[in-house]
Structure formats: C-alpha cells, structure tokens
Protein backbone atom coordinates (compact mmCIF):
# COMPACT_ATOMS: atom_id res chain seq x y z
CA MET A 1 0.00 0.00 0.00
CA SER A 2 1.43 3.39 -0.99
CA VAL A 3 1.96 6.27 1.42
CA LYS A 4 -0.71 8.20 -0.48
CA ASP A 5 -3.23 5.40 0.19
CA ARG A 6 -2.25 5.21 3.85
CA TRP A 7 -2.95 8.94 4.23
CA ASP A 8 -6.27 8.85 2.39
CA ILE A 9 -8.01 10.62 5.27
CA ARG A 10 -10.55 12.74 3.49
CA GLY A 11 -11.97 16.06 4.51
CA GLN A 12 -9.16 16.98 6.96
CA PRO A 13 -6.44 18.49 4.76
CA ALA A 14 -4.98 20.89 7.35
CA ALA A 15 -4.61 18.23 10.05
CA VAL A 16 -3.11 15.69 7.64
CA HIS A 17 -0.66 18.19 6.16
CA MET A 18 0.61 19.31 9.57
CA LEU A 19 1.07 15.79 10.92
CA ARG A 20 2.69 14.40 7.78
CA ASN A 21 5.12 17.30 7.80
CA ALA A 22 5.95 16.69 11.48
CA LEU A 23 6.71 13.03 10.72
CA ARG A 24 8.77 13.89 7.67
CA THR A 25 10.91 16.43 9.54
CA GLY A 26 11.11 14.45 12.78
CA ARG A 27 9.54 17.33 14.73
CA LEU A 28 6.65 15.58 16.41
CA ALA A 29 5.42 17.13 19.63
CA HIS A 30 5.37 14.95 22.73
CA ALA A 31 1.60 15.38 23.11
CA TYR A 32 -1.31 16.05 20.73
CA LEU A 33 -5.00 16.61 21.34
CA PHE A 34 -7.21 15.61 18.40
CA VAL A 35 -10.59 17.35 18.78
CA GLY A 36 -13.68 17.08 16.60
CA PRO A 37 -17.04 15.37 16.09
CA LYS A 38 -17.42 11.61 16.13
CA GLY A 39 -16.70 9.74 12.94
CA VAL A 40 -14.60 12.33 11.08
CA GLY A 41 -11.23 10.55 11.04
CA LYS A 42 -9.54 11.37 14.37
CA ALA A 43 -8.79 7.77 15.39
CA THR A 44 -7.72 6.83 11.85
CA THR A 45 -5.34 9.78 11.75
CA ALA A 46 -3.98 8.88 15.20
CA GLU A 47 -3.25 5.37 13.93
CA MET A 48 -1.43 6.81 10.91
CA VAL A 49 0.74 8.96 13.18
CA ALA A 50 1.48 5.99 15.45
CA ALA A 51 2.44 3.87 12.46
CA GLY A 52 4.61 6.69 11.15
CA VAL A 53 6.48 6.91 14.44
CA VAL A 54 7.39 3.21 14.56
CA CYS A 55 7.57 2.58 10.79
CA GLU A 56 10.75 0.86 9.64
CA ALA A 57 10.98 2.60 6.26
CA GLY A 58 14.35 4.28 5.81
CA ASP A 59 13.02 7.47 4.23
CA PRO A 60 10.99 9.58 6.72
CA ALA A 61 8.94 10.95 3.82
CA GLN A 62 7.68 7.41 3.18
CA ARG A 63 6.36 6.83 6.71
CA PRO A 64 4.10 5.10 7.40
CA CYS A 65 4.78 2.77 4.51
CA GLY A 66 1.91 0.44 5.38
CA GLU A 67 3.95 -2.61 4.43
CA CYS A 68 6.74 -3.13 6.96
CA PRO A 69 6.16 -5.44 9.96
CA ALA A 70 5.78 -2.43 12.28
CA CYS A 71 3.02 -0.85 10.16
CA VAL A 72 1.23 -4.18 9.84
CA ASP A 73 1.36 -4.67 13.60
CA VAL A 74 0.01 -1.19 14.32
CA ALA A 75 -2.91 -1.80 11.97
CA ALA A 76 -3.64 -5.05 13.85
CA ARG A 77 -3.19 -3.27 17.20
CA ARG A 78 -0.48 -5.66 18.30
CA HIS A 79 2.66 -3.52 18.15
CA VAL A 80 4.48 -3.78 21.49
CA ASP A 81 5.35 -0.08 21.55
CA VAL A 82 1.93 1.32 20.59
CA PHE A 83 -0.76 1.39 23.27
CA TRP A 84 -4.46 2.15 22.90
CA VAL A 85 -6.37 3.29 25.97
CA GLU A 86 -10.16 3.10 25.64
CA PRO A 87 -12.93 3.86 28.14
CA GLU A 88 -13.85 1.13 30.59
CA GLY A 89 -17.62 1.28 30.44
CA ASP A 90 -18.14 4.95 29.65
CA LYS A 91 -15.12 6.48 31.43
CA ILE A 92 -11.35 6.65 31.29
CA LEU A 93 -10.39 5.68 34.85
CA ILE A 94 -7.43 6.66 37.00
CA ASP A 95 -6.10 3.09 37.06
CA GLN A 96 -5.83 3.18 33.27
CA VAL A 97 -3.80 6.37 33.40
CA ARG A 98 -1.56 4.94 36.12
CA ALA A 99 -0.90 1.92 33.89
CA LEU A 100 -0.04 4.32 31.06
CA GLN A 101 2.40 6.14 33.36
CA GLN A 102 4.17 2.91 34.25
CA GLN A 103 4.45 1.83 30.61
CA ALA A 104 5.74 5.25 29.59
CA MET A 105 8.66 4.94 32.00
CA LEU A 106 9.91 1.79 30.26
CA LYS A 107 12.08 1.83 27.16
CA ALA A 108 10.63 0.95 23.78
CA VAL A 109 11.07 -2.71 22.81
CA ARG A 110 11.33 -2.60 19.01
CA GLY A 111 12.35 0.95 18.32
CA ARG A 112 13.30 4.14 20.06
CA CYS A 113 9.83 5.50 20.81
CA LYS A 114 6.53 4.52 22.40
CA VAL A 115 3.13 5.88 21.32
CA PHE A 116 0.06 6.13 23.54
CA LEU A 117 -3.37 6.81 22.02
CA VAL A 118 -6.14 7.69 24.47
CA GLU A 119 -9.60 7.53 22.91
CA ALA A 120 -12.52 9.56 24.28
CA VAL A 121 -10.22 11.33 26.71
CA ASP A 122 -13.05 13.81 27.37
CA THR A 123 -14.75 11.01 29.34
CA ALA A 124 -11.83 10.78 31.81
CA THR A 125 -12.72 11.21 35.46
CA GLU A 126 -11.30 14.17 37.38
CA GLN A 127 -8.80 11.87 39.11
CA ALA A 128 -7.75 10.36 35.77
CA GLN A 129 -7.28 13.82 34.27
CA ASN A 130 -5.10 14.92 37.17
CA ALA A 131 -2.95 11.81 36.75
CA LEU A 132 -2.75 12.44 33.01
CA LEU A 133 -1.69 16.01 33.68
CA LYS A 134 1.35 14.71 35.59
CA VAL A 135 2.39 12.73 32.51
CA LEU A 136 2.07 15.85 30.38
CA GLU A 137 3.96 18.04 32.86
CA GLU A 138 6.88 15.60 33.09
CA PRO A 139 6.82 13.73 29.78
CA PRO A 140 9.00 10.63 29.72
CA GLY A 141 11.65 10.66 27.04
CA GLU A 142 10.91 9.13 23.64
CA THR A 143 7.13 8.99 23.94
CA VAL A 144 4.32 10.47 21.87
CA LEU A 145 0.91 10.88 23.49
CA ILE A 146 -2.18 11.38 21.32
CA LEU A 147 -5.39 12.30 23.14
CA ILE A 148 -8.61 11.95 21.14
CA ALA A 149 -11.68 13.93 22.21
CA HIS A 150 -15.07 14.78 20.74
CA ASN A 151 -15.29 17.85 22.96
CA GLU A 152 -12.51 19.66 24.80
CA THR A 153 -14.86 21.42 27.27
CA PRO A 154 -14.76 18.62 29.91
CA LEU A 155 -10.96 18.61 29.88
CA LEU A 156 -8.81 20.52 32.34
CA PRO A 157 -7.49 23.69 30.66
CA THR A 158 -4.00 22.70 31.79
CA ILE A 159 -4.27 19.46 29.80
CA VAL A 160 -5.30 21.34 26.68
CA SER A 161 -2.54 23.92 27.10
CA ARG A 162 0.16 21.23 27.25
CA CYS A 163 -0.88 19.62 23.97
CA VAL A 164 -0.66 20.63 20.35
CA VAL A 165 -4.36 20.89 19.50
CA VAL A 166 -5.34 19.46 16.10
CA ARG A 167 -8.91 20.28 15.13
CA PHE A 168 -11.04 18.02 12.93
CA GLY A 169 -14.18 19.43 11.36
CA PRO A 170 -17.36 17.73 10.08
CA LEU A 171 -16.80 16.10 6.70
CA PRO A 172 -18.20 17.96 3.69
CA LYS A 173 -21.31 16.21 2.40
CA ASP A 174 -19.71 15.20 -0.90
CA VAL A 175 -16.69 13.74 0.90
CA ALA A 176 -18.91 11.81 3.32
CA ALA A 177 -21.07 10.52 0.45
CA GLY A 178 -17.98 9.37 -1.44
CA ILE A 179 -16.70 7.47 1.60
CA LEU A 180 -20.10 5.85 2.14
CA ARG A 181 -20.28 4.79 -1.48
CA GLU A 182 -16.71 3.55 -1.91
CA ARG A 183 -15.93 2.04 1.48
CA PHE A 184 -19.33 1.05 2.84
CA GLY A 185 -21.31 0.16 -0.31
CA TYR A 186 -24.14 2.64 0.27
CA GLY A 187 -24.90 3.13 -3.42
CA ASP A 188 -28.09 5.16 -3.92
CA ALA A 189 -28.32 5.77 -0.16
CA ALA A 190 -24.91 7.50 0.06
CA GLU A 191 -26.11 11.10 -0.29
CA LEU A 192 -29.01 10.59 2.13
CA GLY A 193 -26.74 8.91 4.66
CA ALA A 194 -24.22 11.75 4.39
CA ALA A 195 -26.93 14.36 4.89
CA LEU A 196 -28.38 12.60 7.92
CA GLY A 197 -24.91 11.98 9.33
CA ASP A 198 -24.19 15.73 9.26
CA GLY A 199 -20.52 15.26 8.49
CA SER A 200 -19.94 12.15 10.62
CA ILE A 201 -19.36 8.71 9.09
CA GLU A 202 -20.23 7.09 12.41
CA ALA A 203 -23.63 8.79 12.44
CA ALA A 204 -24.15 8.16 8.72
CA THR A 205 -23.65 4.40 9.08
CA ARG A 206 -26.03 3.99 12.01
CA LEU A 207 -28.55 2.59 9.53
CA SER A 208 -27.76 0.24 6.66
CA PRO A 209 -28.36 1.53 3.11
CA GLU A 210 -31.39 -0.73 2.83
CA GLU A 211 -32.84 0.66 6.07
CA LEU A 212 -32.22 4.22 4.94
CA LEU A 213 -34.07 3.75 1.65
CA GLN A 214 -36.93 1.94 3.37
CA ARG A 215 -37.33 4.69 5.94
CA ARG A 216 -37.24 7.40 3.31
CA ARG A 217 -40.05 5.65 1.47
CA ALA A 218 -42.00 5.35 4.71
CA ALA A 219 -41.53 9.08 5.39
CA LEU A 220 -42.74 10.08 1.94
CA ASP A 221 -45.71 7.71 2.15
CA PHE A 222 -46.55 9.12 5.59
CA PHE A 223 -46.64 12.69 4.31
CA ALA A 224 -48.66 11.71 1.24
CA GLU A 225 -51.17 9.84 3.43
CA LEU A 226 -51.46 12.80 5.77
CA ARG A 227 -52.23 15.09 2.82
CA ARG A 228 -54.80 12.70 1.39
CA SER A 229 -56.66 12.62 4.71
CA ASP A 230 -59.16 15.16 5.89
CA ILE A 231 -57.49 17.68 8.19
CA THR A 232 -59.85 16.67 11.01
CA ALA A 233 -58.32 13.17 10.86
CA ALA A 234 -54.83 14.48 11.64
CA PRO A 235 -55.12 14.13 15.46
CA ARG A 236 -56.26 10.53 15.03
CA LEU A 237 -53.28 9.77 12.79
CA ALA A 238 -51.02 11.41 15.37
CA GLU A 239 -52.10 9.04 18.15
CA SER A 240 -49.90 6.19 16.95
CA TRP A 241 -46.83 8.45 17.20
CA HIS A 242 -47.28 9.77 20.73
CA LYS A 243 -44.85 7.22 22.18
CA ARG A 244 -42.50 6.88 19.22
CA ARG A 245 -40.33 9.95 19.74
CA ASP A 246 -37.05 8.73 18.23
CA GLU A 247 -38.74 7.15 15.23
CA LEU A 248 -40.73 10.32 14.59
CA VAL A 249 -37.64 12.55 14.81
CA GLU A 250 -35.81 10.30 12.37
CA MET A 251 -38.73 10.41 9.94
CA LEU A 252 -38.91 14.20 10.18
CA ASP A 253 -35.17 14.48 9.50
CA ILE A 254 -35.68 12.54 6.28
CA LEU A 255 -38.79 14.56 5.38
CA GLN A 256 -36.94 17.82 6.04
CA ILE A 257 -34.19 16.84 3.60
CA TRP A 258 -36.79 15.82 1.02
CA LEU A 259 -38.72 19.09 1.28
CA ARG A 260 -35.46 21.00 1.00
CA ASP A 261 -34.79 19.18 -2.29
CA VAL A 262 -38.31 19.97 -3.51
CA LEU A 263 -37.75 23.68 -2.85
CA LEU A 264 -34.46 23.58 -4.73
CA VAL A 265 -36.11 21.96 -7.73
CA GLN A 266 -38.79 24.68 -7.65
CA HIS A 267 -36.40 27.60 -7.35
CA ARG A 268 -33.23 26.46 -9.13
CA PRO A 269 -33.71 25.37 -12.74
CA ASP A 270 -30.25 23.76 -12.79
CA ALA A 271 -31.03 21.52 -9.78
CA LEU A 272 -32.44 18.76 -12.00
CA ARG A 273 -29.80 19.26 -14.68
CA GLU A 274 -27.00 18.91 -12.13
CA PRO A 275 -28.60 16.81 -9.38
CA GLU A 276 -25.30 15.61 -7.90
CA THR A 277 -24.37 19.24 -7.20
CA TRP A 278 -27.65 20.42 -5.68
CA LEU A 279 -29.75 17.51 -4.46
CA VAL A 280 -29.55 14.88 -1.75
CA ASN A 281 -32.20 12.51 -3.11
CA VAL A 282 -30.46 12.20 -6.46
CA ASP A 283 -31.82 8.73 -7.14
CA LEU A 284 -35.44 9.98 -6.96
CA LYS A 285 -35.00 12.91 -9.33
CA ASP A 286 -38.21 12.17 -11.27
CA GLU A 287 -40.28 11.89 -8.09
CA LEU A 288 -38.84 15.15 -6.82
CA GLU A 289 -39.89 16.82 -10.06
CA ARG A 290 -43.46 15.55 -9.61
CA TRP A 291 -43.64 16.82 -6.04
CA ALA A 292 -42.22 20.19 -7.13
CA ALA A 293 -44.93 20.51 -9.78
CA ALA A 294 -47.74 19.39 -7.47
CA MET A 295 -47.04 21.57 -4.42
CA ALA A 296 -47.02 25.33 -4.22
CA PRO A 297 -43.63 26.67 -3.05
CA ASP A 298 -45.36 28.40 -0.13
CA ALA A 299 -46.81 25.05 0.98
CA VAL A 300 -43.41 23.35 0.84
CA LEU A 301 -41.84 26.18 2.82
CA ALA A 302 -44.66 26.05 5.37
CA ALA A 303 -44.18 22.30 5.84
CA LEU A 304 -40.47 22.85 6.39
CA GLU A 305 -41.16 25.56 8.95
CA HIS A 306 -43.58 23.30 10.82
CA VAL A 307 -40.96 20.54 11.03
CA LEU A 308 -38.29 22.95 12.24
CA ALA A 309 -40.67 24.50 14.80
CA PHE A 310 -41.46 21.02 16.11
CA ARG A 311 -37.75 20.29 16.60
CA ARG A 312 -37.18 23.59 18.44
CA ARG A 313 -40.11 23.03 20.79
CA LEU A 314 -39.04 19.44 21.38
CA ALA A 315 -35.62 20.72 22.47
CA ASP A 316 -37.44 23.00 24.94
CA ASN A 317 -39.05 19.92 26.54
CA VAL A 318 -42.59 20.80 25.56
CA GLY A 319 -44.94 17.82 25.97
CA LEU A 320 -44.52 15.37 23.09
CA ARG A 321 -48.22 14.49 22.75
CA SER A 322 -49.40 18.04 22.17
CA LEU A 323 -46.46 18.79 19.89
CA VAL A 324 -47.23 15.79 17.67
CA ASP A 325 -50.92 16.71 17.45
CA VAL A 326 -50.14 20.27 16.39
CA LEU A 327 -47.49 19.12 13.92
CA PHE A 328 -49.81 16.69 12.18
CA VAL A 329 -52.58 19.30 11.86
CA ASP A 330 -50.09 21.84 10.51
CA LEU A 331 -48.63 19.42 7.96
CA ALA A 332 -52.08 18.31 6.86
CA ALA A 333 -52.94 21.93 6.16
CA CYS A 334 -50.03 22.33 3.74
CA GLY A 335 -50.46 22.05 -0.01
CA ARG A 336 -51.33 18.54 -1.18
CA PRO A 337 -48.68 16.71 -3.22
CA VAL A 338 -49.82 14.52 -6.04
CA VAL A 339 -47.42 11.61 -6.32
CA ALA A 340 -47.99 8.78 -8.78
C-alpha cells in the first residue's frame, strides 16, 4: 500500500498536512489533542501517526509505509510499543492512566519511541485527568501521546494547554457521500446517509443503506397519506406516534431533507440538470420533479417551517403528545402533493 493510500483521510487536509510534515521532519510534539465530532477521522489519523512513528521505512517521507512489519502490527493493534487506551464502560479511569504512566517509564522494545493513544479522553474522570496532567507536565523521554476527544470542554485547561491541538471538522457532504459509497457500499443511499450523518461517518452508518431507503419511502408515504386525509383526521393519525419519539424525529429528519430538495427543484432550474451538485435525493429525481410541480412553493416552505418548529419546541421539553398533534394538523394543512 502506498503512502498516499495510507494517508487517504478525506476532509481533513490541514490536520493531515501538519502531521505528515511533522513526521517527515522528525519534529513531532510529545503530546497532541485531536478534537472534533465523532466519525470524522480522528482515530484513523492517530493510527497513521502511530504507524509513522514506529515505521521501519528508511526514508521519513515514506512513513508510514503500510507494508513493513511495524506498520502491519500497528494496523492489527499488536505492536508492542503502541498502546491504545479506551474507556472502561463509559469512562477513562485513573487506574488506566496509572498503567499508562508505568508503561511510559519503560524503554521501547522494538524501536526508540513509544506511542500512547487515548480515545474519548473527554470522558476521563477528574482523578484520571489529574494523573494524566502529571504525565504531560513531566513527559518521559521518547514517547508520543495522542489524546482523542469529541469535545474539549470537559478537559482541564492545563491538559489542553500542554498539547498541540489538532482540530477536525465535520466532513463535507460530498466527501462523506464518497466514503459511504466507496468504502461502505451505500450506493443510492450515500447522499441521504451523508446528509443525515451531518458530516460524521459514524452517524451516517447507524442505519444500513437498505434501512435508509426503506425509511425514506415510509416518510414520503406518511406525508402523502397525511395530505390525502381530511385535516380533522390528523389528530387521530397522530395518536400512533405519541410514544415513538425517536422514530418520529428520524422520519422528520428525512422529510426535512426531502422538502429542501423539492424547494431547490422549484427555485433552481439547474437543480435537475446537475442533481449531484444540488440535491440529496439524487436517485429519486423524477419523483422530486413531480412533487415540485404538485405543491405550491409556499406550501413546501410552510411544511419545512412546521418541522423545524417542532424540533425547536421538542428541544425545549414541551410535551410530546401536544407537539405531535399540532405538527400533524399543521402538515395536513399544507399544499397537497400529487405523487404517482
């Protein structure tokens, strides 16, 4: 595997450039803090850095090579000088940090350096953080410490200040869709998964591609059924959703993306000519065109506003039952789509 393939970490060009340059020049810091949302490449990048540190390739510019025994062992998580620390249950505990301290004091077995990767360090208890701070204040020689966090707020400011902070952002939608299509086989569901994942591959792959497409169809059928019904029947239709909060929110997320596509088709003539550029539901381009012709733009916009208002009020802990009743009546009052 080429170095280029090993560093195929998409959507994080600044982080990758900085870390590759540090490996190439031999100027790695003793401690890094990788911060960013779940599922955007932090752990993968940490593994690449660890492999680069212990890689046996002669040319630093070629590290990690991905082929030497050291690189193979890092990928299999069996290299004797590379240590992963993961939460026990839902926390990083002080005993885990103490074990890290003890290991850090020992010399590397196969090379000159040890690497410690601490996942979800933002879950560390206060005692564990204080112990970790001691490691950072008095770093053992020939060690690299990589802390991985989704959120730096729970961390002691002194921990953050003693690390080189590397920030990872949400993946652009096209990058996420490409990863879903090429690495996870999402096919026609790739764009929808990327949109629902909001820049996170972990969130995007929560549902299989088959489940995503099935749930999109269910959401569209739900809205069409609601529009076909008399508005006075909306509260009755809402009854079956009063205790299905998560399922309803998921359906509304899908419906929101669909209505956004309908609006784009109505207002941007090039949306259908260049669907990959503008639309999420690219595989249902013809159906989107029918919805766009059948609904007034004001009705589509109103439906979107009702969905967004529901989400805001839900976040404010307003009673679910009354919120669902109002939502269904509001959606039923929107312009009726005619879908073949």
